[in-house]
Amino acid sequence: MWFEYFKEHKPFFASLFRSNSTLSFQKKFLTFIMGELEKKLNTNTSVNKNIDTHIVLKFLGTAVMGILESYVLDEIDNDVEYVATQVGELMRRNI
């Protein structure tokens, strides 16, 4: 769902990620992503049992944000549906 939104507003987000003053945006966006991931994180699985929840959320959130940034900056050549599917599969494996 995020990927389609970013596709529709690609020029706006590209300028945000290219700007030297994006730290505030990135921090707020990472906090948002982590909050969304926390709703889906299953801490009861054996995979996540011994891992700090905040570290898992920070790790996965940073990964998603990095892929979104790479997509809007045209560093990933694939179409948005393919990228979203790949990230979705990675999330399912790690959540």
PDB file of N, CA and C in Angstrom:
ATOM      1  N   MET A   1       0.812  -1.189   0.000  1.00  0.00           N
ATOM      2  CA  MET A   1       0.000   0.000   0.000  1.00  0.00           C
ATOM      3  C   MET A   1       0.861   1.260   0.000  1.00  0.00           C
ATOM      4  N   TRP A   2       1.970   1.258   0.730  1.00  0.00           N
ATOM      5  CA  TRP A   2       2.834   2.438   0.744  1.00  0.00           C
ATOM      6  C   TRP A   2       3.456   2.669  -0.614  1.00  0.00           C
ATOM      7  N   PHE A   3       3.789   1.593  -1.293  1.00  0.00           N
ATOM      8  CA  PHE A   3       4.496   1.719  -2.560  1.00  0.00           C
ATOM      9  C   PHE A   3       3.635   2.396  -3.617  1.00  0.00           C
ATOM     10  N   GLU A   4       2.373   2.064  -3.669  1.00  0.00           N
ATOM     11  CA  GLU A   4       1.476   2.688  -4.649  1.00  0.00           C
ATOM     12  C   GLU A   4       1.354   4.186  -4.361  1.00  0.00           C
ATOM     13  N   TYR A   5       1.238   4.544  -3.091  1.00  0.00           N
ATOM     14  CA  TYR A   5       1.161   5.955  -2.705  1.00  0.00           C
ATOM     15  C   TYR A   5       2.437   6.687  -3.111  1.00  0.00           C
ATOM     16  N   PHE A   6       3.571   6.068  -2.865  1.00  0.00           N
ATOM     17  CA  PHE A   6       4.841   6.690  -3.232  1.00  0.00           C
ATOM     18  C   PHE A   6       4.974   6.815  -4.744  1.00  0.00           C
ATOM     19  N   LYS A   7       4.455   5.860  -5.470  1.00  0.00           N
ATOM     20  CA  LYS A   7       4.483   5.936  -6.933  1.00  0.00           C
ATOM     21  C   LYS A   7       3.676   7.143  -7.405  1.00  0.00           C
ATOM     22  N   GLU A   8       2.498   7.330  -6.828  1.00  0.00           N
ATOM     23  CA  GLU A   8       1.626   8.434  -7.218  1.00  0.00           C
ATOM     24  C   GLU A   8       2.230   9.797  -6.882  1.00  0.00           C
ATOM     25  N   HIS A   9       3.069   9.854  -5.871  1.00  0.00           N
ATOM     26  CA  HIS A   9       3.667  11.116  -5.420  1.00  0.00           C
ATOM     27  C   HIS A   9       5.194  11.093  -5.541  1.00  0.00           C
ATOM     28  N   LYS A  10       5.671  10.353  -6.518  1.00  0.00           N
ATOM     29  CA  LYS A  10       7.102  10.114  -6.679  1.00  0.00           C
ATOM     30  C   LYS A  10       7.939  11.400  -6.756  1.00  0.00           C
ATOM     31  N   PRO A  11       7.580  12.399  -7.556  1.00  0.00           N
ATOM     32  CA  PRO A  11       8.407  13.613  -7.617  1.00  0.00           C
ATOM     33  C   PRO A  11       8.548  14.313  -6.258  1.00  0.00           C
ATOM     34  N   PHE A  12       7.459  14.358  -5.504  1.00  0.00           N
ATOM     35  CA  PHE A  12       7.498  14.986  -4.189  1.00  0.00           C
ATOM     36  C   PHE A  12       8.467  14.260  -3.260  1.00  0.00           C
ATOM     37  N   PHE A  13       8.325  12.934  -3.175  1.00  0.00           N
ATOM     38  CA  PHE A  13       9.187  12.172  -2.280  1.00  0.00           C
ATOM     39  C   PHE A  13      10.629  12.136  -2.771  1.00  0.00           C
ATOM     40  N   ALA A  14      10.834  12.147  -4.067  1.00  0.00           N
ATOM     41  CA  ALA A  14      12.198  12.192  -4.600  1.00  0.00           C
ATOM     42  C   ALA A  14      12.888  13.470  -4.146  1.00  0.00           C
ATOM     43  N   SER A  15      12.171  14.596  -4.189  1.00  0.00           N
ATOM     44  CA  SER A  15      12.781  15.853  -3.744  1.00  0.00           C
ATOM     45  C   SER A  15      13.055  15.830  -2.246  1.00  0.00           C
ATOM     46  N   LEU A  16      12.186  15.185  -1.474  1.00  0.00           N
ATOM     47  CA  LEU A  16      12.432  15.066  -0.032  1.00  0.00           C
ATOM     48  C   LEU A  16      13.683  14.242   0.252  1.00  0.00           C
ATOM     49  N   PHE A  17      13.818  13.112  -0.423  1.00  0.00           N
ATOM     50  CA  PHE A  17      14.973  12.249  -0.180  1.00  0.00           C
ATOM     51  C   PHE A  17      16.267  12.861  -0.717  1.00  0.00           C
ATOM     52  N   ARG A  18      16.179  13.698  -1.738  1.00  0.00           N
ATOM     53  CA  ARG A  18      17.381  14.322  -2.301  1.00  0.00           C
ATOM     54  C   ARG A  18      17.847  15.531  -1.497  1.00  0.00           C
ATOM     55  N   SER A  19      16.954  16.118  -0.747  1.00  0.00           N
ATOM     56  CA  SER A  19      17.256  17.331  -0.002  1.00  0.00           C
ATOM     57  C   SER A  19      18.257  17.046   1.118  1.00  0.00           C
ATOM     58  N   ASN A  20      19.065  18.042   1.415  1.00  0.00           N
ATOM     59  CA  ASN A  20      20.033  17.905   2.506  1.00  0.00           C
ATOM     60  C   ASN A  20      19.361  17.993   3.877  1.00  0.00           C
ATOM     61  N   SER A  21      18.143  18.487   3.913  1.00  0.00           N
ATOM     62  CA  SER A  21      17.463  18.667   5.199  1.00  0.00           C
ATOM     63  C   SER A  21      16.343  17.647   5.392  1.00  0.00           C
ATOM     64  N   THR A  22      16.603  16.406   5.040  1.00  0.00           N
ATOM     65  CA  THR A  22      15.564  15.371   5.124  1.00  0.00           C
ATOM     66  C   THR A  22      15.553  14.620   6.446  1.00  0.00           C
ATOM     67  N   LEU A  23      16.452  14.924   7.330  1.00  0.00           N
ATOM     68  CA  LEU A  23      16.557  14.160   8.573  1.00  0.00           C
ATOM     69  C   LEU A  23      15.241  14.142   9.357  1.00  0.00           C
ATOM     70  N   SER A  24      14.588  15.278   9.470  1.00  0.00           N
ATOM     71  CA  SER A  24      13.319  15.349  10.196  1.00  0.00           C
ATOM     72  C   SER A  24      12.263  14.478   9.528  1.00  0.00           C
ATOM     73  N   PHE A  25      12.151  14.563   8.203  1.00  0.00           N
ATOM     74  CA  PHE A  25      11.198  13.731   7.463  1.00  0.00           C
ATOM     75  C   PHE A  25      11.511  12.259   7.667  1.00  0.00           C
ATOM     76  N   GLN A  26      12.782  11.889   7.546  1.00  0.00           N
ATOM     77  CA  GLN A  26      13.160  10.484   7.668  1.00  0.00           C
ATOM     78  C   GLN A  26      12.851   9.937   9.058  1.00  0.00           C
ATOM     79  N   LYS A  27      13.120  10.721  10.091  1.00  0.00           N
ATOM     80  CA  LYS A  27      12.831  10.271  11.456  1.00  0.00           C
ATOM     81  C   LYS A  27      11.337  10.058  11.662  1.00  0.00           C
ATOM     82  N   LYS A  28      10.526  11.005  11.190  1.00  0.00           N
ATOM     83  CA  LYS A  28       9.076  10.879  11.348  1.00  0.00           C
ATOM     84  C   LYS A  28       8.534   9.723  10.518  1.00  0.00           C
ATOM     85  N   PHE A  29       9.065   9.561   9.321  1.00  0.00           N
ATOM     86  CA  PHE A  29       8.609   8.479   8.456  1.00  0.00           C
ATOM     87  C   PHE A  29       9.000   7.124   9.037  1.00  0.00           C
ATOM     88  N   LEU A  30      10.218   7.024   9.565  1.00  0.00           N
ATOM     89  CA  LEU A  30      10.658   5.777  10.192  1.00  0.00           C
ATOM     90  C   LEU A  30       9.775   5.445  11.394  1.00  0.00           C
ATOM     91  N   THR A  31       9.449   6.437  12.193  1.00  0.00           N
ATOM     92  CA  THR A  31       8.562   6.225  13.340  1.00  0.00           C
ATOM     93  C   THR A  31       7.201   5.714  12.878  1.00  0.00           C
ATOM     94  N   PHE A  32       6.683   6.287  11.791  1.00  0.00           N
ATOM     95  CA  PHE A  32       5.404   5.839  11.234  1.00  0.00           C
ATOM     96  C   PHE A  32       5.491   4.381  10.780  1.00  0.00           C
ATOM     97  N   ILE A  33       6.529   4.053  10.016  1.00  0.00           N
ATOM     98  CA  ILE A  33       6.695   2.684   9.512  1.00  0.00           C
ATOM     99  C   ILE A  33       6.812   1.699  10.672  1.00  0.00           C
ATOM    100  N   MET A  34       7.614   2.049  11.667  1.00  0.00           N
ATOM    101  CA  MET A  34       7.784   1.167  12.819  1.00  0.00           C
ATOM    102  C   MET A  34       6.453   0.939  13.535  1.00  0.00           C
ATOM    103  N   GLY A  35       5.643   1.977  13.640  1.00  0.00           N
ATOM    104  CA  GLY A  35       4.331   1.841  14.266  1.00  0.00           C
ATOM    105  C   GLY A  35       3.423   0.896  13.493  1.00  0.00           C
ATOM    106  N   GLU A  36       3.470   0.997  12.172  1.00  0.00           N
ATOM    107  CA  GLU A  36       2.662   0.106  11.335  1.00  0.00           C
ATOM    108  C   GLU A  36       3.159  -1.337  11.430  1.00  0.00           C
ATOM    109  N   LEU A  37       4.473  -1.509  11.446  1.00  0.00           N
ATOM    110  CA  LEU A  37       5.036  -2.857  11.554  1.00  0.00           C
ATOM    111  C   LEU A  37       4.744  -3.477  12.917  1.00  0.00           C
ATOM    112  N   GLU A  38       4.749  -2.649  13.953  1.00  0.00           N
ATOM    113  CA  GLU A  38       4.496  -3.156  15.305  1.00  0.00           C
ATOM    114  C   GLU A  38       3.103  -3.785  15.405  1.00  0.00           C
ATOM    115  N   LYS A  39       2.153  -3.255  14.645  1.00  0.00           N
ATOM    116  CA  LYS A  39       0.795  -3.813  14.643  1.00  0.00           C
ATOM    117  C   LYS A  39       0.779  -5.244  14.106  1.00  0.00           C
ATOM    118  N   LYS A  40       1.759  -5.580  13.282  1.00  0.00           N
ATOM    119  CA  LYS A  40       1.785  -6.895  12.635  1.00  0.00           C
ATOM    120  C   LYS A  40       2.843  -7.831  13.207  1.00  0.00           C
ATOM    121  N   LEU A  41       3.748  -7.304  14.013  1.00  0.00           N
ATOM    122  CA  LEU A  41       4.852  -8.102  14.535  1.00  0.00           C
ATOM    123  C   LEU A  41       4.350  -9.155  15.513  1.00  0.00           C
ATOM    124  N   ASN A  42       4.729 -10.387  15.270  1.00  0.00           N
ATOM    125  CA  ASN A  42       4.374 -11.498  16.154  1.00  0.00           C
ATOM    126  C   ASN A  42       5.591 -11.827  17.008  1.00  0.00           C
ATOM    127  N   THR A  43       5.574 -11.386  18.248  1.00  0.00           N
ATOM    128  CA  THR A  43       6.715 -11.620  19.140  1.00  0.00           C
ATOM    129  C   THR A  43       6.667 -12.998  19.784  1.00  0.00           C
ATOM    130  N   ASN A  44       5.615 -13.749  19.520  1.00  0.00           N
ATOM    131  CA  ASN A  44       5.477 -15.078  20.126  1.00  0.00           C
ATOM    132  C   ASN A  44       6.122 -16.188  19.310  1.00  0.00           C
ATOM    133  N   THR A  45       6.596 -15.895  18.119  1.00  0.00           N
ATOM    134  CA  THR A  45       7.224 -16.940  17.313  1.00  0.00           C
ATOM    135  C   THR A  45       8.615 -17.231  17.840  1.00  0.00           C
ATOM    136  N   SER A  46       9.085 -18.424  17.587  1.00  0.00           N
ATOM    137  CA  SER A  46      10.424 -18.800  18.046  1.00  0.00           C
ATOM    138  C   SER A  46      11.496 -17.948  17.377  1.00  0.00           C
ATOM    139  N   VAL A  47      11.220 -17.460  16.172  1.00  0.00           N
ATOM    140  CA  VAL A  47      12.191 -16.632  15.451  1.00  0.00           C
ATOM    141  C   VAL A  47      12.414 -15.307  16.168  1.00  0.00           C
ATOM    142  N   ASN A  48      11.351 -14.690  16.669  1.00  0.00           N
ATOM    143  CA  ASN A  48      11.448 -13.371  17.296  1.00  0.00           C
ATOM    144  C   ASN A  48      11.521 -13.416  18.822  1.00  0.00           C
ATOM    145  N   LYS A  49      11.500 -14.603  19.392  1.00  0.00           N
ATOM    146  CA  LYS A  49      11.410 -14.758  20.841  1.00  0.00           C
ATOM    147  C   LYS A  49      12.544 -14.062  21.596  1.00  0.00           C
ATOM    148  N   ASN A  50      13.767 -14.194  21.141  1.00  0.00           N
ATOM    149  CA  ASN A  50      14.914 -13.656  21.873  1.00  0.00           C
ATOM    150  C   ASN A  50      15.451 -12.352  21.296  1.00  0.00           C
ATOM    151  N   ILE A  51      14.669 -11.713  20.430  1.00  0.00           N
ATOM    152  CA  ILE A  51      15.126 -10.473  19.801  1.00  0.00           C
ATOM    153  C   ILE A  51      14.314  -9.311  20.356  1.00  0.00           C
ATOM    154  N   ASP A  52      15.003  -8.248  20.723  1.00  0.00           N
ATOM    155  CA  ASP A  52      14.371  -7.047  21.247  1.00  0.00           C
ATOM    156  C   ASP A  52      13.404  -6.470  20.209  1.00  0.00           C
ATOM    157  N   THR A  53      12.169  -6.226  20.618  1.00  0.00           N
ATOM    158  CA  THR A  53      11.129  -5.741  19.710  1.00  0.00           C
ATOM    159  C   THR A  53      11.531  -4.437  19.038  1.00  0.00           C
ATOM    160  N   HIS A  54      12.083  -3.505  19.796  1.00  0.00           N
ATOM    161  CA  HIS A  54      12.474  -2.213  19.215  1.00  0.00           C
ATOM    162  C   HIS A  54      13.548  -2.397  18.142  1.00  0.00           C
ATOM    163  N   ILE A  55      14.477  -3.302  18.373  1.00  0.00           N
ATOM    164  CA  ILE A  55      15.536  -3.543  17.387  1.00  0.00           C
ATOM    165  C   ILE A  55      14.952  -4.157  16.120  1.00  0.00           C
ATOM    166  N   VAL A  56      14.024  -5.102  16.265  1.00  0.00           N
ATOM    167  CA  VAL A  56      13.370  -5.700  15.092  1.00  0.00           C
ATOM    168  C   VAL A  56      12.636  -4.624  14.300  1.00  0.00           C
ATOM    169  N   LEU A  57      11.877  -3.781  14.992  1.00  0.00           N
ATOM    170  CA  LEU A  57      11.113  -2.733  14.315  1.00  0.00           C
ATOM    171  C   LEU A  57      12.023  -1.723  13.632  1.00  0.00           C
ATOM    172  N   LYS A  58      13.100  -1.350  14.287  1.00  0.00           N
ATOM    173  CA  LYS A  58      14.052  -0.396  13.698  1.00  0.00           C
ATOM    174  C   LYS A  58      14.714  -1.009  12.467  1.00  0.00           C
ATOM    175  N   PHE A  59      15.110  -2.264  12.568  1.00  0.00           N
ATOM    176  CA  PHE A  59      15.755  -2.974  11.466  1.00  0.00           C
ATOM    177  C   PHE A  59      14.830  -3.059  10.253  1.00  0.00           C
ATOM    178  N   LEU A  60      13.622  -3.558  10.470  1.00  0.00           N
ATOM    179  CA  LEU A  60      12.677  -3.718   9.360  1.00  0.00           C
ATOM    180  C   LEU A  60      12.206  -2.368   8.827  1.00  0.00           C
ATOM    181  N   GLY A  61      11.961  -1.421   9.716  1.00  0.00           N
ATOM    182  CA  GLY A  61      11.523  -0.089   9.288  1.00  0.00           C
ATOM    183  C   GLY A  61      12.563   0.612   8.441  1.00  0.00           C
ATOM    184  N   THR A  62      13.811   0.517   8.850  1.00  0.00           N
ATOM    185  CA  THR A  62      14.898   1.121   8.080  1.00  0.00           C
ATOM    186  C   THR A  62      15.024   0.455   6.716  1.00  0.00           C
ATOM    187  N   ALA A  63      14.818  -0.851   6.676  1.00  0.00           N
ATOM    188  CA  ALA A  63      14.884  -1.575   5.399  1.00  0.00           C
ATOM    189  C   ALA A  63      13.781  -1.114   4.450  1.00  0.00           C
ATOM    190  N   VAL A  64      12.558  -1.023   4.947  1.00  0.00           N
ATOM    191  CA  VAL A  64      11.439  -0.579   4.110  1.00  0.00           C
ATOM    192  C   VAL A  64      11.676   0.847   3.624  1.00  0.00           C
ATOM    193  N   MET A  65      12.098   1.721   4.531  1.00  0.00           N
ATOM    194  CA  MET A  65      12.346   3.108   4.151  1.00  0.00           C
ATOM    195  C   MET A  65      13.445   3.192   3.101  1.00  0.00           C
ATOM    196  N   GLY A  66      14.476   2.384   3.228  1.00  0.00           N
ATOM    197  CA  GLY A  66      15.562   2.383   2.249  1.00  0.00           C
ATOM    198  C   GLY A  66      15.106   1.934   0.876  1.00  0.00           C
ATOM    199  N   ILE A  67      14.249   0.924   0.828  1.00  0.00           N
ATOM    200  CA  ILE A  67      13.725   0.456  -0.459  1.00  0.00           C
ATOM    201  C   ILE A  67      12.824   1.518  -1.077  1.00  0.00           C
ATOM    202  N   LEU A  68      11.965   2.142  -0.268  1.00  0.00           N
ATOM    203  CA  LEU A  68      11.113   3.215  -0.787  1.00  0.00           C
ATOM    204  C   LEU A  68      11.956   4.365  -1.334  1.00  0.00           C
ATOM    205  N   GLU A  69      12.982   4.740  -0.593  1.00  0.00           N
ATOM    206  CA  GLU A  69      13.874   5.809  -1.050  1.00  0.00           C
ATOM    207  C   GLU A  69      14.536   5.421  -2.365  1.00  0.00           C
ATOM    208  N   SER A  70      15.053   4.216  -2.450  1.00  0.00           N
ATOM    209  CA  SER A  70      15.691   3.757  -3.687  1.00  0.00           C
ATOM    210  C   SER A  70      14.705   3.750  -4.848  1.00  0.00           C
ATOM    211  N   TYR A  71      13.458   3.385  -4.569  1.00  0.00           N
ATOM    212  CA  TYR A  71      12.447   3.368  -5.628  1.00  0.00           C
ATOM    213  C   TYR A  71      12.171   4.782  -6.149  1.00  0.00           C
ATOM    214  N   VAL A  72      11.918   5.733  -5.244  1.00  0.00           N
ATOM    215  CA  VAL A  72      11.572   7.084  -5.707  1.00  0.00           C
ATOM    216  C   VAL A  72      12.759   7.801  -6.333  1.00  0.00           C
ATOM    217  N   LEU A  73      13.964   7.383  -6.007  1.00  0.00           N
ATOM    218  CA  LEU A  73      15.155   7.989  -6.617  1.00  0.00           C
ATOM    219  C   LEU A  73      15.600   7.233  -7.865  1.00  0.00           C
ATOM    220  N   ASP A  74      14.748   6.308  -8.333  1.00  0.00           N
ATOM    221  CA  ASP A  74      15.006   5.525  -9.549  1.00  0.00           C
ATOM    222  C   ASP A  74      16.274   4.686  -9.468  1.00  0.00           C
ATOM    223  N   GLU A  75      16.607   4.226  -8.277  1.00  0.00           N
ATOM    224  CA  GLU A  75      17.739   3.322  -8.107  1.00  0.00           C
ATOM    225  C   GLU A  75      17.306   1.861  -8.238  1.00  0.00           C
ATOM    226  N   ILE A  76      15.997   1.648  -8.292  1.00  0.00           N
ATOM    227  CA  ILE A  76      15.418   0.326  -8.526  1.00  0.00           C
ATOM    228  C   ILE A  76      14.593   0.440  -9.794  1.00  0.00           C
ATOM    229  N   ASP A  77      14.892  -0.412 -10.763  1.00  0.00           N
ATOM    230  CA  ASP A  77      14.260  -0.313 -12.080  1.00  0.00           C
ATOM    231  C   ASP A  77      12.916  -1.020 -12.192  1.00  0.00           C
ATOM    232  N   ASN A  78      12.571  -1.840 -11.244  1.00  0.00           N
ATOM    233  CA  ASN A  78      11.347  -2.631 -11.343  1.00  0.00           C
ATOM    234  C   ASN A  78      10.105  -1.771 -11.131  1.00  0.00           C
ATOM    235  N   ASP A  79       8.952  -2.283 -11.609  1.00  0.00           N
ATOM    236  CA  ASP A  79       7.708  -1.544 -11.400  1.00  0.00           C
ATOM    237  C   ASP A  79       7.270  -1.672  -9.945  1.00  0.00           C
ATOM    238  N   VAL A  80       6.385  -0.782  -9.550  1.00  0.00           N
ATOM    239  CA  VAL A  80       5.993  -0.662  -8.150  1.00  0.00           C
ATOM    240  C   VAL A  80       5.339  -1.939  -7.617  1.00  0.00           C
ATOM    241  N   GLU A  81       4.570  -2.636  -8.435  1.00  0.00           N
ATOM    242  CA  GLU A  81       3.916  -3.854  -7.978  1.00  0.00           C
ATOM    243  C   GLU A  81       4.947  -4.930  -7.626  1.00  0.00           C
ATOM    244  N   TYR A  82       5.972  -5.051  -8.463  1.00  0.00           N
ATOM    245  CA  TYR A  82       7.023  -6.037  -8.219  1.00  0.00           C
ATOM    246  C   TYR A  82       7.772  -5.711  -6.923  1.00  0.00           C
ATOM    247  N   VAL A  83       8.151  -4.451  -6.763  1.00  0.00           N
ATOM    248  CA  VAL A  83       8.892  -4.034  -5.571  1.00  0.00           C
ATOM    249  C   VAL A  83       8.043  -4.268  -4.319  1.00  0.00           C
ATOM    250  N   ALA A  84       6.780  -3.880  -4.370  1.00  0.00           N
ATOM    251  CA  ALA A  84       5.894  -4.061  -3.219  1.00  0.00           C
ATOM    252  C   ALA A  84       5.729  -5.538  -2.874  1.00  0.00           C
ATOM    253  N   THR A  85       5.613  -6.380  -3.882  1.00  0.00           N
ATOM    254  CA  THR A  85       5.483  -7.820  -3.654  1.00  0.00           C
ATOM    255  C   THR A  85       6.739  -8.385  -3.002  1.00  0.00           C
ATOM    256  N   GLN A  86       7.893  -7.974  -3.485  1.00  0.00           N
ATOM    257  CA  GLN A  86       9.151  -8.449  -2.917  1.00  0.00           C
ATOM    258  C   GLN A  86       9.295  -8.020  -1.459  1.00  0.00           C
ATOM    259  N   VAL A  87       9.011  -6.755  -1.175  1.00  0.00           N
ATOM    260  CA  VAL A  87       9.112  -6.263   0.200  1.00  0.00           C
ATOM    261  C   VAL A  87       8.075  -6.954   1.083  1.00  0.00           C
ATOM    262  N   GLY A  88       6.877  -7.153   0.555  1.00  0.00           N
ATOM    263  CA  GLY A  88       5.842  -7.865   1.310  1.00  0.00           C
ATOM    264  C   GLY A  88       6.277  -9.266   1.689  1.00  0.00           C
ATOM    265  N   GLU A  89       6.904  -9.962   0.758  1.00  0.00           N
ATOM    266  CA  GLU A  89       7.392 -11.321   1.044  1.00  0.00           C
ATOM    267  C   GLU A  89       8.492 -11.295   2.104  1.00  0.00           C
ATOM    268  N   LEU A  90       9.398 -10.343   2.008  1.00  0.00           N
ATOM    269  CA  LEU A  90      10.453 -10.215   3.023  1.00  0.00           C
ATOM    270  C   LEU A  90       9.854  -9.911   4.397  1.00  0.00           C
ATOM    271  N   MET A  91       8.830  -9.075   4.430  1.00  0.00           N
ATOM    272  CA  MET A  91       8.169  -8.763   5.701  1.00  0.00           C
ATOM    273  C   MET A  91       7.506 -10.013   6.281  1.00  0.00           C
ATOM    274  N   ARG A  92       6.817 -10.774   5.447  1.00  0.00           N
ATOM    275  CA  ARG A  92       6.163 -12.000   5.937  1.00  0.00           C
ATOM    276  C   ARG A  92       7.182 -12.967   6.530  1.00  0.00           C
ATOM    277  N   ARG A  93       8.355 -13.022   5.942  1.00  0.00           N
ATOM    278  CA  ARG A  93       9.397 -13.931   6.448  1.00  0.00           C
ATOM    279  C   ARG A  93       9.976 -13.469   7.777  1.00  0.00           C
ATOM    280  N   ASN A  94       9.901 -12.175   8.031  1.00  0.00           N
ATOM    281  CA  ASN A  94      10.553 -11.622   9.215  1.00  0.00           C
ATOM    282  C   ASN A  94       9.601 -11.156  10.301  1.00  0.00           C
ATOM    283  N   ILE A  95       8.327 -11.194  10.035  1.00  0.00           N
ATOM    284  CA  ILE A  95       7.347 -10.770  11.047  1.00  0.00           C
ATOM    285  C   ILE A  95       6.627 -11.965  11.514  1.00  0.00           C
TER     286      ILE A  95
END
